[in-house]
Amino acid sequence: MSHDDHGLEEESEDLASQYPIPREEEYDMQYQEEPIHGLSLDGSGSRLVTGTRQGALGWWTFGGMKSGICRPSTTALMMEGESMLRKVIQNPRGGTCLAVPHDAQPQV
């Protein structure tokens, strides 16, 4: 291993300890029997917001997940009607999120 490779390995370990996202396990993250279409992490990397095409949103907290159990801590239906979700954007501090539908009328 070269000196440069060793530096990259240390940097990777530092990032892993700074952003403790579960990497050792797999989670089947579905909500409302629909596949997840959009997702966004908060700035700390510990919370995730997901959205389905029909506008069902789920907020997930990695620290609260137990092995084999993966459910959102909070849920909401942000968009009703014909418009499908295009993108979910979370505030870096995790306080709010923006749901962007295909008809370009975002909702906070």
N, C-alpha and C. Protein backbone atom coordinates (compact mmCIF):
# COMPACT_ATOMS: atom_id res chain seq x y z
N MET A 1 0.85 -1.17 0.00
CA MET A 1 0.00 0.00 0.00
C MET A 1 0.90 1.24 0.00
N SER A 2 0.63 2.14 -0.89
CA SER A 2 1.43 3.36 -0.96
C SER A 2 0.99 4.34 0.12
N HIS A 3 1.78 5.36 0.32
CA HIS A 3 1.45 6.40 1.30
C HIS A 3 0.12 7.08 0.95
N ASP A 4 -0.11 7.32 -0.36
CA ASP A 4 -1.35 7.96 -0.80
C ASP A 4 -2.56 7.08 -0.51
N ASP A 5 -2.43 5.76 -0.73
CA ASP A 5 -3.53 4.84 -0.46
C ASP A 5 -3.89 4.83 1.02
N HIS A 6 -2.87 4.88 1.87
CA HIS A 6 -3.10 4.89 3.31
C HIS A 6 -3.89 6.14 3.72
N GLY A 7 -3.57 7.27 3.13
CA GLY A 7 -4.28 8.52 3.42
C GLY A 7 -5.74 8.45 3.01
N LEU A 8 -6.03 7.83 1.87
CA LEU A 8 -7.42 7.67 1.43
C LEU A 8 -8.20 6.76 2.36
N GLU A 9 -7.55 5.70 2.84
CA GLU A 9 -8.21 4.78 3.77
C GLU A 9 -8.56 5.48 5.07
N GLU A 10 -7.65 6.29 5.60
CA GLU A 10 -7.92 7.05 6.83
C GLU A 10 -9.06 8.04 6.62
N GLU A 11 -9.07 8.71 5.46
CA GLU A 11 -10.13 9.67 5.16
C GLU A 11 -11.48 8.96 5.10
N SER A 12 -11.52 7.78 4.48
CA SER A 12 -12.75 7.01 4.39
C SER A 12 -13.25 6.60 5.77
N GLU A 13 -12.35 6.18 6.66
CA GLU A 13 -12.73 5.81 8.01
C GLU A 13 -13.25 7.02 8.78
N ASP A 14 -12.63 8.19 8.59
CA ASP A 14 -13.09 9.42 9.24
C ASP A 14 -14.51 9.77 8.80
N LEU A 15 -14.79 9.66 7.50
CA LEU A 15 -16.12 9.96 6.99
C LEU A 15 -17.14 8.97 7.53
N ALA A 16 -16.77 7.70 7.61
CA ALA A 16 -17.68 6.67 8.13
C ALA A 16 -18.04 6.94 9.58
N SER A 17 -17.10 7.39 10.40
CA SER A 17 -17.40 7.68 11.79
C SER A 17 -18.19 8.98 11.93
N GLN A 18 -18.01 9.90 11.01
CA GLN A 18 -18.72 11.18 11.05
C GLN A 18 -20.17 11.00 10.60
N TYR A 19 -20.43 10.10 9.66
CA TYR A 19 -21.77 9.86 9.14
C TYR A 19 -22.15 8.40 9.37
N PRO A 20 -22.67 8.08 10.55
CA PRO A 20 -22.91 6.67 10.91
C PRO A 20 -24.16 6.07 10.26
N ILE A 21 -24.14 5.90 8.96
CA ILE A 21 -25.23 5.25 8.25
C ILE A 21 -24.97 3.75 8.28
N PRO A 22 -26.00 2.95 8.57
CA PRO A 22 -25.78 1.51 8.61
C PRO A 22 -25.28 0.99 7.27
N ARG A 23 -24.12 0.34 7.28
CA ARG A 23 -23.55 -0.20 6.05
C ARG A 23 -23.49 -1.71 6.08
N GLU A 24 -23.64 -2.27 7.25
CA GLU A 24 -23.46 -3.70 7.44
C GLU A 24 -24.74 -4.49 7.15
N GLU A 25 -25.88 -3.82 7.12
CA GLU A 25 -27.14 -4.51 6.96
C GLU A 25 -27.91 -3.94 5.78
N GLU A 26 -28.82 -4.73 5.28
CA GLU A 26 -29.69 -4.26 4.22
C GLU A 26 -31.07 -4.02 4.79
N TYR A 27 -31.74 -3.00 4.30
CA TYR A 27 -33.08 -2.67 4.74
C TYR A 27 -34.00 -2.62 3.53
N ASP A 28 -35.15 -3.23 3.65
CA ASP A 28 -36.18 -3.15 2.63
C ASP A 28 -37.07 -1.98 3.00
N MET A 29 -36.79 -0.81 2.43
CA MET A 29 -37.48 0.41 2.82
C MET A 29 -38.62 0.70 1.85
N GLN A 30 -39.76 0.15 2.17
CA GLN A 30 -40.94 0.45 1.38
C GLN A 30 -42.00 1.00 2.31
N TYR A 31 -42.83 1.84 1.74
CA TYR A 31 -43.87 2.49 2.51
C TYR A 31 -45.12 2.50 1.64
N GLN A 32 -46.24 2.16 2.23
CA GLN A 32 -47.50 2.15 1.51
C GLN A 32 -47.50 1.15 0.34
N GLU A 33 -46.71 0.08 0.44
CA GLU A 33 -46.65 -0.94 -0.61
C GLU A 33 -46.16 -0.40 -1.95
N GLU A 34 -45.58 0.78 -1.96
CA GLU A 34 -45.05 1.39 -3.18
C GLU A 34 -43.54 1.48 -3.09
N PRO A 35 -42.84 1.35 -4.20
CA PRO A 35 -41.38 1.56 -4.15
C PRO A 35 -41.05 3.03 -3.92
N ILE A 36 -39.90 3.27 -3.33
CA ILE A 36 -39.43 4.63 -3.08
C ILE A 36 -38.94 5.23 -4.38
N HIS A 37 -39.39 6.44 -4.67
CA HIS A 37 -39.04 7.12 -5.91
C HIS A 37 -38.01 8.23 -5.70
N GLY A 38 -38.04 8.89 -4.56
CA GLY A 38 -37.09 9.96 -4.26
C GLY A 38 -36.65 9.87 -2.82
N LEU A 39 -35.41 10.30 -2.55
CA LEU A 39 -34.93 10.32 -1.17
C LEU A 39 -33.91 11.42 -0.98
N SER A 40 -33.75 11.84 0.28
CA SER A 40 -32.80 12.90 0.61
C SER A 40 -32.34 12.71 2.05
N LEU A 41 -31.02 12.79 2.26
CA LEU A 41 -30.43 12.72 3.60
C LEU A 41 -30.31 14.11 4.19
N ASP A 42 -30.41 14.21 5.52
CA ASP A 42 -30.14 15.49 6.15
C ASP A 42 -28.63 15.71 6.23
N GLY A 43 -28.22 16.86 6.69
CA GLY A 43 -26.80 17.21 6.72
C GLY A 43 -25.95 16.31 7.59
N SER A 44 -26.53 15.74 8.66
CA SER A 44 -25.76 14.87 9.55
C SER A 44 -25.66 13.44 9.02
N GLY A 45 -26.52 13.11 8.05
CA GLY A 45 -26.51 11.75 7.51
C GLY A 45 -27.23 10.73 8.37
N SER A 46 -27.96 11.18 9.38
CA SER A 46 -28.63 10.25 10.28
C SER A 46 -30.13 10.14 10.03
N ARG A 47 -30.69 11.07 9.25
CA ARG A 47 -32.12 11.03 8.94
C ARG A 47 -32.33 11.08 7.44
N LEU A 48 -33.35 10.39 7.00
CA LEU A 48 -33.64 10.27 5.58
C LEU A 48 -35.12 10.56 5.37
N VAL A 49 -35.45 11.28 4.32
CA VAL A 49 -36.84 11.43 3.93
C VAL A 49 -36.99 10.74 2.58
N THR A 50 -38.06 9.97 2.43
CA THR A 50 -38.32 9.25 1.19
C THR A 50 -39.70 9.64 0.67
N GLY A 51 -39.88 9.47 -0.62
CA GLY A 51 -41.18 9.75 -1.22
C GLY A 51 -41.51 8.73 -2.30
N THR A 52 -42.79 8.38 -2.38
CA THR A 52 -43.25 7.49 -3.43
C THR A 52 -43.77 8.34 -4.59
N ARG A 53 -43.99 7.73 -5.72
CA ARG A 53 -44.49 8.47 -6.89
C ARG A 53 -45.83 9.13 -6.62
N GLN A 54 -46.63 8.55 -5.72
CA GLN A 54 -47.95 9.10 -5.44
C GLN A 54 -47.95 10.13 -4.31
N GLY A 55 -46.75 10.51 -3.80
CA GLY A 55 -46.63 11.59 -2.83
C GLY A 55 -46.67 11.17 -1.37
N ALA A 56 -46.57 9.88 -1.06
CA ALA A 56 -46.49 9.44 0.33
C ALA A 56 -45.05 9.65 0.80
N LEU A 57 -44.87 10.43 1.87
CA LEU A 57 -43.54 10.73 2.40
C LEU A 57 -43.31 9.98 3.70
N GLY A 58 -42.07 9.55 3.91
CA GLY A 58 -41.69 8.89 5.15
C GLY A 58 -40.38 9.46 5.65
N TRP A 59 -40.28 9.69 6.96
CA TRP A 59 -39.05 10.17 7.59
C TRP A 59 -38.46 9.02 8.39
N TRP A 60 -37.20 8.71 8.14
CA TRP A 60 -36.52 7.57 8.75
C TRP A 60 -35.36 8.09 9.59
N THR A 61 -35.17 7.54 10.79
CA THR A 61 -34.05 7.89 11.65
C THR A 61 -33.19 6.66 11.82
N PHE A 62 -31.96 6.70 11.29
CA PHE A 62 -31.10 5.52 11.31
C PHE A 62 -30.78 5.06 12.73
N GLY A 63 -30.60 5.98 13.66
CA GLY A 63 -30.29 5.59 15.03
C GLY A 63 -31.41 4.80 15.69
N GLY A 64 -32.63 4.97 15.22
CA GLY A 64 -33.78 4.27 15.82
C GLY A 64 -34.13 2.97 15.15
N MET A 65 -33.38 2.56 14.12
CA MET A 65 -33.70 1.32 13.41
C MET A 65 -33.10 0.12 14.12
N LYS A 66 -33.90 -0.92 14.22
CA LYS A 66 -33.41 -2.18 14.76
C LYS A 66 -33.29 -3.17 13.61
N SER A 67 -32.42 -4.12 13.78
CA SER A 67 -32.19 -5.11 12.73
C SER A 67 -33.49 -5.80 12.34
N GLY A 68 -33.78 -5.83 11.07
CA GLY A 68 -34.96 -6.50 10.56
C GLY A 68 -36.23 -5.66 10.61
N ILE A 69 -36.21 -4.55 11.33
CA ILE A 69 -37.39 -3.69 11.43
C ILE A 69 -37.05 -2.36 10.78
N CYS A 70 -37.74 -2.02 9.72
CA CYS A 70 -37.43 -0.78 9.02
C CYS A 70 -38.73 -0.09 8.64
N ARG A 71 -39.17 0.80 9.51
CA ARG A 71 -40.38 1.57 9.25
C ARG A 71 -40.07 3.04 9.44
N PRO A 72 -40.76 3.91 8.70
CA PRO A 72 -40.53 5.33 8.91
C PRO A 72 -41.03 5.76 10.29
N SER A 73 -40.34 6.72 10.90
CA SER A 73 -40.76 7.23 12.21
C SER A 73 -41.96 8.17 12.07
N THR A 74 -42.08 8.83 10.94
CA THR A 74 -43.18 9.75 10.66
C THR A 74 -43.59 9.58 9.21
N THR A 75 -44.87 9.73 8.91
CA THR A 75 -45.35 9.62 7.54
C THR A 75 -46.33 10.74 7.24
N ALA A 76 -46.49 11.05 5.97
CA ALA A 76 -47.45 12.07 5.54
C ALA A 76 -47.77 11.84 4.07
N LEU A 77 -48.96 12.22 3.66
CA LEU A 77 -49.34 12.21 2.25
C LEU A 77 -49.36 13.67 1.83
N MET A 78 -48.32 14.09 1.10
CA MET A 78 -48.17 15.51 0.76
C MET A 78 -48.92 15.92 -0.50
N MET A 79 -49.11 14.99 -1.41
CA MET A 79 -49.72 15.37 -2.68
C MET A 79 -50.86 14.40 -2.99
N GLU A 80 -52.00 14.94 -3.24
CA GLU A 80 -53.11 14.10 -3.64
C GLU A 80 -53.49 14.46 -5.07
N GLY A 81 -54.09 13.53 -5.76
CA GLY A 81 -54.52 13.80 -7.12
C GLY A 81 -53.64 13.13 -8.14
N GLU A 82 -53.54 13.73 -9.30
CA GLU A 82 -52.87 13.12 -10.44
C GLU A 82 -51.37 13.35 -10.51
N SER A 83 -50.86 14.35 -9.83
CA SER A 83 -49.45 14.71 -9.96
C SER A 83 -48.54 13.70 -9.27
N MET A 84 -47.50 13.26 -9.96
CA MET A 84 -46.55 12.31 -9.39
C MET A 84 -45.32 13.04 -8.85
N LEU A 85 -44.72 12.47 -7.81
CA LEU A 85 -43.54 13.05 -7.19
C LEU A 85 -42.35 12.98 -8.13
N ARG A 86 -41.64 14.08 -8.25
CA ARG A 86 -40.42 14.13 -9.07
C ARG A 86 -39.18 14.07 -8.18
N LYS A 87 -39.18 14.80 -7.05
CA LYS A 87 -37.98 14.90 -6.23
C LYS A 87 -38.36 15.26 -4.80
N VAL A 88 -37.55 14.80 -3.84
CA VAL A 88 -37.68 15.18 -2.44
C VAL A 88 -36.35 15.82 -2.03
N ILE A 89 -36.42 17.00 -1.42
CA ILE A 89 -35.22 17.70 -0.97
C ILE A 89 -35.40 18.03 0.50
N GLN A 90 -34.44 17.64 1.33
CA GLN A 90 -34.52 17.90 2.76
C GLN A 90 -33.60 19.05 3.14
N ASN A 91 -34.08 19.88 4.05
CA ASN A 91 -33.26 20.94 4.62
C ASN A 91 -32.01 20.28 5.22
N PRO A 92 -30.82 20.86 5.04
CA PRO A 92 -29.60 20.24 5.60
C PRO A 92 -29.68 19.98 7.11
N ARG A 93 -30.46 20.75 7.83
CA ARG A 93 -30.61 20.54 9.27
C ARG A 93 -31.73 19.57 9.60
N GLY A 94 -32.47 19.12 8.58
CA GLY A 94 -33.49 18.10 8.78
C GLY A 94 -34.84 18.60 9.27
N GLY A 95 -35.05 19.89 9.37
CA GLY A 95 -36.29 20.41 9.91
C GLY A 95 -37.47 20.38 8.94
N THR A 96 -37.21 20.61 7.67
CA THR A 96 -38.28 20.64 6.68
C THR A 96 -37.82 19.93 5.42
N CYS A 97 -38.78 19.61 4.57
CA CYS A 97 -38.42 19.04 3.28
C CYS A 97 -39.31 19.66 2.20
N LEU A 98 -38.87 19.56 0.99
CA LEU A 98 -39.58 20.09 -0.16
C LEU A 98 -39.94 18.91 -1.06
N ALA A 99 -41.22 18.74 -1.34
CA ALA A 99 -41.69 17.69 -2.25
C ALA A 99 -42.01 18.35 -3.59
N VAL A 100 -41.32 17.93 -4.64
CA VAL A 100 -41.48 18.55 -5.95
C VAL A 100 -42.22 17.59 -6.88
N PRO A 101 -43.46 17.94 -7.24
CA PRO A 101 -44.22 17.09 -8.15
C PRO A 101 -43.90 17.42 -9.61
N HIS A 102 -44.39 16.58 -10.51
CA HIS A 102 -44.16 16.80 -11.94
C HIS A 102 -44.86 18.05 -12.47
N ASP A 103 -45.92 18.52 -11.79
CA ASP A 103 -46.61 19.71 -12.29
C ASP A 103 -45.96 21.01 -11.81
N ALA A 104 -44.77 20.92 -11.20
CA ALA A 104 -43.95 22.08 -10.82
C ALA A 104 -44.61 23.00 -9.81
N GLN A 105 -45.40 22.45 -8.88
CA GLN A 105 -45.95 23.22 -7.78
C GLN A 105 -45.44 22.61 -6.47
N PRO A 106 -44.20 22.96 -6.08
CA PRO A 106 -43.58 22.35 -4.89
C PRO A 106 -44.38 22.60 -3.62
N GLN A 107 -44.28 21.68 -2.67
CA GLN A 107 -44.94 21.81 -1.38
C GLN A 107 -43.91 21.62 -0.29
N VAL A 108 -44.00 22.45 0.76
CA VAL A 108 -43.08 22.35 1.91
C VAL A 108 -43.81 21.63 3.02
